[in-house]
Amino acid sequence: MKKGVISTLSDALMSKVAEAAQASHDVELNSRFELLAPGFREAGVLGFSAEFSGSGDSGNGCDITITTLDGTALGYQETQEFLKDKLMPGSEALLVDVIELLVDQAIDANGMDGYENDSGGRGTLNYSIEGTASFEGFYNKEEQEPSDYSWDSPDEIPVAKTIIEPFLAKLKELGVGLVTAEYSGGGDSGSVEDISFFLRGDTEVESPNEDGEEVDPDVVVSIANPSRSYDLVSNRYVDDPVTEESYKDASLRDVAQSLLFHLVDNAGHSGWEINEGGGGKLTFNVDGEVTLEHCDYVESESRVASTEYEFVGAPAPELMALPGPDVGP
């Protein structure tokens, strides 16, 4: 920008800019937009776009991009360089802090305070010194898509006999009547959270954690747990052939976990831990029904705010005409 295009603003006006730049949140948003426009203009800013997001009770800060007075839209890195150590004219406030203050107040004014809690949210504040601004805000929503599966007996579940038969024999030997396993995951990471074994008892017990007597899940049983390969035709993992070398000692806990993963894969939910993730519960009745309650987690978003602002701006001045050469008489 050519020197002299923008004249220095009056001390009185810059005093108002300084007050607006550092004022508390109780200043009306539209008034702050208006008061700060001359300061942004003096700093060489025609406008900005600031995106914010957060979830899990943590905000990710603002991604800011600047448009300069000559209409050049700066990229993210260029904006970082432009804003580095730059003060709002007439004040001791950093320009980036002033922008983030505006974003915070816009979030509050649009009822999105706490947007970063739980599933979180996101939004954008666009601002122009020419007298317009806009705010859009969205909340993330977590929904669940349940899928239930059941088999009349353990013999019917789609798991290798070299796993299920020795597992069942050991459970019956120990007097176990019920096995439960719960799992959940997301963001490409998942785990089995709880595996419990309960002795035979009253079949009417609905909550074995309260009334059942647990069995040590680390008791060892010899099983053949086939290795698994991904079959592109069926789009799922399948068992490889079993050999003598396939047999090994495993704890009841490990066998139950293997059964769980087999059933989840065969139900078409391989990769349940990816992205938004999923979870569920396996209930394994030694003498009866086996059930798998699976749930995929699905994220969507809903718009909760869309606001347009108009205020008295401070339009960028036209370039001053340079004086032409002297022309003699």
Protein backbone atom coordinates (compact mmCIF):
# COMPACT_ATOMS: atom_id res chain seq x y z
CA MET A 1 0.00 0.00 0.00
CA LYS A 2 1.34 3.42 -0.98
CA LYS A 3 2.33 5.70 1.84
CA GLY A 4 -0.25 8.38 2.49
CA VAL A 5 -3.23 6.37 1.23
CA ILE A 6 -4.63 6.25 4.76
CA SER A 7 -4.25 9.29 6.95
CA THR A 8 -3.68 8.82 10.66
CA LEU A 9 -6.97 8.81 12.50
CA SER A 10 -7.74 11.45 15.10
CA ASP A 11 -6.64 10.89 18.69
CA ALA A 12 -10.26 11.02 19.86
CA LEU A 13 -11.34 8.34 17.41
CA MET A 14 -8.36 6.13 18.18
CA SER A 15 -9.19 6.46 21.86
CA LYS A 16 -12.61 4.96 21.13
CA VAL A 17 -10.96 2.20 19.09
CA ALA A 18 -8.64 1.43 22.01
CA GLU A 19 -11.55 1.28 24.44
CA ALA A 20 -13.50 -1.05 22.15
CA ALA A 21 -10.47 -3.27 21.60
CA GLN A 22 -10.07 -3.96 25.29
CA ALA A 23 -13.64 -3.59 26.55
CA SER A 24 -15.39 -6.35 28.51
CA HIS A 25 -18.07 -8.60 27.00
CA ASP A 26 -20.90 -6.35 28.11
CA VAL A 27 -20.27 -4.00 25.16
CA GLU A 28 -22.98 -4.48 22.53
CA LEU A 29 -21.63 -6.51 19.62
CA ASN A 30 -22.87 -4.20 16.88
CA SER A 31 -21.34 -1.19 18.68
CA ARG A 32 -17.99 -2.93 18.95
CA PHE A 33 -18.09 -3.84 15.25
CA GLU A 34 -18.64 -0.16 14.46
CA LEU A 35 -16.07 1.26 16.88
CA LEU A 36 -13.32 -1.10 15.72
CA ALA A 37 -13.80 -0.55 11.98
CA PRO A 38 -11.50 2.54 11.84
CA GLY A 39 -8.79 0.68 13.74
CA PHE A 40 -8.93 -2.29 11.40
CA ARG A 41 -8.76 0.09 8.46
CA GLU A 42 -5.72 1.84 9.95
CA ALA A 43 -4.12 -1.60 10.39
CA GLY A 44 -4.65 -2.39 6.71
CA VAL A 45 -7.50 -4.88 7.21
CA LEU A 46 -10.55 -4.84 4.95
CA GLY A 47 -12.08 -7.83 6.68
CA PHE A 48 -11.53 -11.23 8.21
CA SER A 49 -13.03 -14.68 8.53
CA ALA A 50 -12.57 -16.53 11.85
CA GLU A 51 -13.55 -20.19 12.26
CA PHE A 52 -13.85 -21.82 15.68
CA SER A 53 -14.52 -25.39 16.78
CA GLY A 54 -14.30 -27.62 19.83
CA SER A 55 -15.55 -30.76 21.55
CA GLY A 56 -14.98 -32.84 24.64
CA ASP A 57 -14.93 -29.69 26.80
CA SER A 58 -11.97 -28.24 24.88
CA GLY A 59 -11.91 -25.48 22.26
CA ASN A 60 -9.51 -25.53 19.33
CA GLY A 61 -9.03 -21.77 19.09
CA CYS A 62 -9.65 -19.69 15.95
CA ASP A 63 -8.43 -20.15 12.40
CA ILE A 64 -8.25 -16.60 11.07
CA THR A 65 -7.76 -15.39 7.50
CA ILE A 66 -7.40 -11.71 6.58
CA THR A 67 -8.39 -9.70 3.52
CA THR A 68 -6.21 -6.62 3.11
CA LEU A 69 -7.39 -3.18 2.00
CA ASP A 70 -6.43 -3.82 -1.60
CA GLY A 71 -8.74 -6.85 -1.67
CA THR A 72 -6.04 -9.52 -1.33
CA ALA A 73 -7.29 -12.60 0.51
CA LEU A 74 -4.40 -13.96 2.55
CA GLY A 75 -3.98 -17.66 3.20
CA TYR A 76 -3.64 -19.07 6.70
CA GLN A 77 0.17 -18.83 6.86
CA GLU A 78 0.20 -15.39 5.25
CA THR A 79 -2.35 -14.25 7.81
CA GLN A 80 -0.15 -15.51 10.64
CA GLU A 81 2.72 -13.42 9.33
CA PHE A 82 0.47 -10.39 8.82
CA LEU A 83 -0.88 -10.57 12.38
CA LYS A 84 2.44 -11.37 14.08
CA ASP A 85 3.02 -8.81 16.86
CA LYS A 86 0.67 -6.34 15.10
CA LEU A 87 -1.20 -4.05 17.51
CA MET A 88 -4.63 -2.57 17.02
CA PRO A 89 -3.79 1.08 16.18
CA GLY A 90 -4.24 3.38 19.16
CA SER A 91 -4.15 0.57 21.71
CA GLU A 92 -1.82 -1.94 23.32
CA ALA A 93 -4.02 -4.87 22.27
CA LEU A 94 -2.72 -7.35 19.71
CA LEU A 95 -4.83 -7.38 16.57
CA VAL A 96 -5.28 -11.17 16.80
CA ASP A 97 -6.54 -10.81 20.38
CA VAL A 98 -9.08 -8.22 19.27
CA ILE A 99 -10.38 -10.56 16.57
CA GLU A 100 -10.64 -13.45 19.03
CA LEU A 101 -12.45 -11.16 21.47
CA LEU A 102 -15.00 -10.37 18.75
CA VAL A 103 -15.43 -14.08 18.06
CA ASP A 104 -15.97 -14.78 21.78
CA GLN A 105 -18.58 -12.06 22.05
CA ALA A 106 -20.33 -13.26 18.88
CA ILE A 107 -20.45 -16.78 20.34
CA ASP A 108 -22.02 -15.43 23.55
CA ALA A 109 -24.43 -13.13 21.72
CA ASN A 110 -25.69 -16.06 19.63
CA GLY A 111 -26.29 -18.34 22.61
CA MET A 112 -23.38 -20.70 21.94
CA ASP A 113 -21.42 -20.19 25.15
CA GLY A 114 -20.08 -23.65 26.04
CA TYR A 115 -20.17 -24.81 22.40
CA GLU A 116 -17.06 -26.91 23.09
CA ASN A 117 -18.76 -29.10 25.71
CA ASP A 118 -19.66 -32.76 25.10
CA SER A 119 -20.06 -33.41 21.33
CA GLY A 120 -19.04 -29.83 20.62
CA GLY A 121 -19.75 -27.43 17.81
CA ARG A 122 -18.26 -25.03 15.31
CA GLY A 123 -18.93 -21.72 13.64
CA THR A 124 -17.66 -18.77 11.62
CA LEU A 125 -17.59 -15.01 12.09
CA ASN A 126 -17.12 -12.96 8.92
CA TYR A 127 -16.45 -9.24 9.27
CA SER A 128 -15.93 -6.32 6.87
CA ILE A 129 -15.02 -2.76 7.79
CA GLU A 130 -17.50 -1.65 5.13
CA GLY A 131 -20.32 -2.24 7.62
CA THR A 132 -21.36 -5.90 7.43
CA ALA A 133 -20.74 -9.02 9.50
CA SER A 134 -22.26 -12.47 9.72
CA PHE A 135 -22.20 -15.33 12.21
CA GLU A 136 -23.08 -18.98 11.70
CA GLY A 137 -22.97 -21.63 14.42
CA PHE A 138 -23.52 -25.38 14.48
CA TYR A 139 -23.77 -28.00 17.22
CA ASN A 140 -22.56 -31.55 16.67
CA LYS A 141 -25.05 -34.27 17.43
CA GLU A 142 -24.21 -37.86 18.34
CA GLU A 143 -26.85 -40.36 17.35
CA GLN A 144 -26.93 -44.13 17.71
CA GLU A 145 -27.98 -46.70 15.12
CA PRO A 146 -28.69 -49.97 16.96
CA SER A 147 -28.47 -53.45 15.43
CA ASP A 148 -29.42 -56.54 17.44
CA TYR A 149 -28.47 -60.13 16.63
CA SER A 150 -29.36 -63.41 18.35
CA TRP A 151 -28.64 -67.13 18.08
CA ASP A 152 -30.73 -69.81 19.78
CA SER A 153 -27.69 -71.56 21.24
CA PRO A 154 -23.87 -71.26 21.33
CA ASP A 155 -23.65 -74.07 18.75
CA GLU A 156 -25.26 -71.81 16.15
CA ILE A 157 -22.96 -68.81 16.37
CA PRO A 158 -20.64 -68.29 13.35
CA VAL A 159 -17.39 -69.05 15.18
CA ALA A 160 -14.85 -71.82 14.60
CA LYS A 161 -15.69 -75.07 16.46
CA THR A 162 -12.05 -75.20 17.61
CA ILE A 163 -12.82 -72.12 19.69
CA ILE A 164 -16.39 -72.58 20.85
CA GLU A 165 -16.30 -76.28 21.80
CA PRO A 166 -13.37 -76.18 24.27
CA PHE A 167 -14.64 -72.83 25.59
CA LEU A 168 -18.09 -74.26 26.30
CA ALA A 169 -16.60 -77.38 27.90
CA LYS A 170 -14.49 -75.30 30.28
CA LEU A 171 -17.42 -73.04 31.19
CA LYS A 172 -19.61 -76.03 32.03
CA GLU A 173 -16.80 -77.60 34.04
CA LEU A 174 -16.56 -74.43 36.13
CA GLY A 175 -20.32 -74.13 36.51
CA VAL A 176 -20.49 -70.89 34.50
CA GLY A 177 -23.92 -70.05 33.16
CA LEU A 178 -23.47 -66.56 31.74
CA VAL A 179 -20.73 -64.48 30.09
CA THR A 180 -21.06 -60.79 29.25
CA ALA A 181 -18.64 -58.56 27.32
CA GLU A 182 -19.00 -54.84 26.61
CA TYR A 183 -16.99 -52.88 24.06
CA SER A 184 -16.79 -49.37 22.64
CA GLY A 185 -14.51 -47.20 20.56
CA GLY A 186 -14.07 -44.30 18.20
CA GLY A 187 -11.38 -42.23 16.52
CA ASP A 188 -9.71 -45.42 15.21
CA SER A 189 -9.26 -46.87 18.70
CA GLY A 190 -11.48 -49.40 20.43
CA SER A 191 -11.38 -51.81 23.36
CA VAL A 192 -13.33 -54.39 25.31
CA GLU A 193 -14.20 -52.56 28.50
CA ASP A 194 -15.64 -55.29 30.68
CA ILE A 195 -15.81 -59.11 30.53
CA SER A 196 -17.62 -60.98 33.33
CA PHE A 197 -18.33 -64.65 34.05
CA PHE A 198 -21.19 -65.71 36.34
CA LEU A 199 -21.95 -69.07 37.94
CA ARG A 200 -25.24 -70.78 37.23
CA GLY A 201 -28.00 -69.36 39.36
CA ASP A 202 -31.47 -67.98 39.25
CA THR A 203 -32.33 -67.57 35.55
CA GLU A 204 -34.61 -64.66 36.46
CA VAL A 205 -31.69 -62.51 37.64
CA GLU A 206 -31.67 -59.44 35.41
CA SER A 207 -28.51 -57.88 36.81
CA PRO A 208 -25.84 -60.53 37.44
CA ASN A 209 -23.40 -57.81 38.53
CA GLU A 210 -25.54 -57.44 41.66
CA ASP A 211 -26.59 -61.02 42.36
CA GLY A 212 -24.25 -63.32 40.39
CA GLU A 213 -21.05 -64.84 41.70
CA GLU A 214 -18.14 -64.14 39.37
CA VAL A 215 -15.51 -66.61 38.12
CA ASP A 216 -11.81 -65.83 37.64
CA PRO A 217 -11.57 -64.80 33.95
CA ASP A 218 -7.89 -65.74 33.80
CA VAL A 219 -8.54 -69.51 34.01
CA VAL A 220 -6.71 -71.12 31.05
CA VAL A 221 -8.31 -73.22 28.29
CA SER A 222 -6.65 -74.77 25.23
CA ILE A 223 -8.23 -73.57 21.97
CA ALA A 224 -7.37 -73.17 18.32
CA ASN A 225 -7.88 -69.54 17.42
CA PRO A 226 -7.44 -69.36 13.64
CA SER A 227 -5.64 -66.41 12.16
CA ARG A 228 -7.89 -64.15 10.13
CA SER A 229 -7.65 -62.66 6.65
CA TYR A 230 -9.77 -60.01 4.96
CA ASP A 231 -11.94 -61.43 2.17
CA LEU A 232 -12.60 -58.82 -0.53
CA VAL A 233 -15.55 -60.80 -1.93
CA SER A 234 -17.56 -60.99 1.29
CA ASN A 235 -16.08 -57.70 2.55
CA ARG A 236 -15.28 -59.18 5.97
CA TYR A 237 -12.61 -61.08 7.89
CA VAL A 238 -12.65 -64.90 7.55
CA ASP A 239 -10.88 -67.69 9.47
CA ASP A 240 -7.78 -69.24 7.95
CA PRO A 241 -7.41 -73.09 8.03
CA VAL A 242 -6.65 -74.58 11.47
CA THR A 243 -3.46 -76.60 12.01
CA GLU A 244 -1.95 -78.28 15.06
CA GLU A 245 0.20 -75.21 15.52
CA SER A 246 -2.99 -73.16 15.82
CA TYR A 247 -3.76 -74.60 19.28
CA LYS A 248 -2.60 -72.61 22.27
CA ASP A 249 -3.52 -71.88 25.86
CA ALA A 250 -5.66 -68.82 26.37
CA SER A 251 -7.51 -67.30 29.30
CA LEU A 252 -11.29 -67.32 29.43
CA ARG A 253 -11.10 -63.55 29.09
CA ASP A 254 -9.09 -63.77 25.86
CA VAL A 255 -11.41 -66.40 24.39
CA ALA A 256 -14.48 -64.30 25.22
CA GLN A 257 -12.85 -61.29 23.57
CA SER A 258 -12.04 -63.35 20.48
CA LEU A 259 -15.65 -64.57 20.32
CA LEU A 260 -16.87 -61.01 20.59
CA PHE A 261 -14.69 -59.76 17.73
CA HIS A 262 -15.69 -62.73 15.55
CA LEU A 263 -19.39 -62.06 16.06
CA VAL A 264 -19.08 -58.31 15.50
CA ASP A 265 -17.14 -58.90 12.26
CA ASN A 266 -19.60 -61.53 11.02
CA ALA A 267 -22.49 -59.19 11.77
CA GLY A 268 -20.99 -56.76 9.25
CA HIS A 269 -19.51 -54.26 11.71
CA SER A 270 -15.82 -54.79 11.06
CA GLY A 271 -14.04 -51.48 11.70
CA TRP A 272 -16.58 -50.46 14.37
CA GLU A 273 -13.88 -48.38 16.11
CA ILE A 274 -13.15 -46.16 13.08
CA ASN A 275 -14.17 -42.48 12.92
CA GLU A 276 -17.29 -41.89 15.08
CA GLY A 277 -17.03 -45.49 16.25
CA GLY A 278 -19.49 -47.83 17.89
CA GLY A 279 -20.00 -50.21 20.75
CA GLY A 280 -22.22 -52.83 22.23
CA LYS A 281 -22.63 -55.87 24.43
CA LEU A 282 -22.35 -59.64 23.99
CA THR A 283 -24.50 -61.81 26.26
CA PHE A 284 -23.51 -65.47 26.13
CA ASN A 285 -25.85 -67.95 27.83
CA VAL A 286 -24.08 -71.30 28.07
CA ASP A 287 -27.34 -73.28 27.81
CA GLY A 288 -29.39 -70.85 25.79
CA GLU A 289 -29.57 -67.75 23.64
CA VAL A 290 -26.54 -65.73 22.58
CA THR A 291 -27.21 -62.06 21.79
CA LEU A 292 -25.14 -59.25 20.35
CA GLU A 293 -26.42 -55.71 20.84
CA HIS A 294 -24.38 -53.44 18.57
CA CYS A 295 -24.67 -49.70 18.08
CA ASP A 296 -22.94 -47.50 15.51
CA TYR A 297 -22.30 -43.92 16.59
CA VAL A 298 -23.22 -41.36 13.96
CA GLU A 299 -22.34 -37.67 14.08
CA SER A 300 -24.35 -34.94 12.42
CA GLU A 301 -24.69 -31.23 13.00
CA SER A 302 -27.53 -28.77 13.31
CA ARG A 303 -27.44 -25.06 12.66
CA VAL A 304 -28.28 -23.16 15.83
CA ALA A 305 -27.40 -19.60 14.81
CA SER A 306 -27.35 -17.54 11.63
CA THR A 307 -27.13 -13.80 12.17
CA GLU A 308 -26.45 -10.89 9.82
CA TYR A 309 -25.14 -7.58 11.17
CA GLU A 310 -25.09 -4.09 9.67
CA PHE A 311 -23.29 -1.12 11.21
CA VAL A 312 -21.70 2.18 10.29
CA GLY A 313 -18.42 1.06 8.82
CA ALA A 314 -15.19 2.73 7.79
CA PRO A 315 -14.88 1.91 4.08
CA ALA A 316 -11.42 1.62 2.62
CA PRO A 317 -10.49 4.94 0.97
CA GLU A 318 -9.79 5.07 -2.73
CA LEU A 319 -6.15 5.38 -3.68
CA MET A 320 -5.08 9.00 -3.70
CA ALA A 321 -4.31 10.29 -7.18
CA LEU A 322 -0.63 10.92 -7.60
CA PRO A 323 0.24 14.44 -8.84
CA GLY A 324 1.08 14.60 -12.51
CA PRO A 325 4.20 16.22 -13.97
CA ASP A 326 4.41 19.98 -14.15
CA VAL A 327 3.42 21.29 -17.57
CA GLY A 328 4.94 24.55 -18.66
CA PRO A 329 2.93 27.38 -20.19
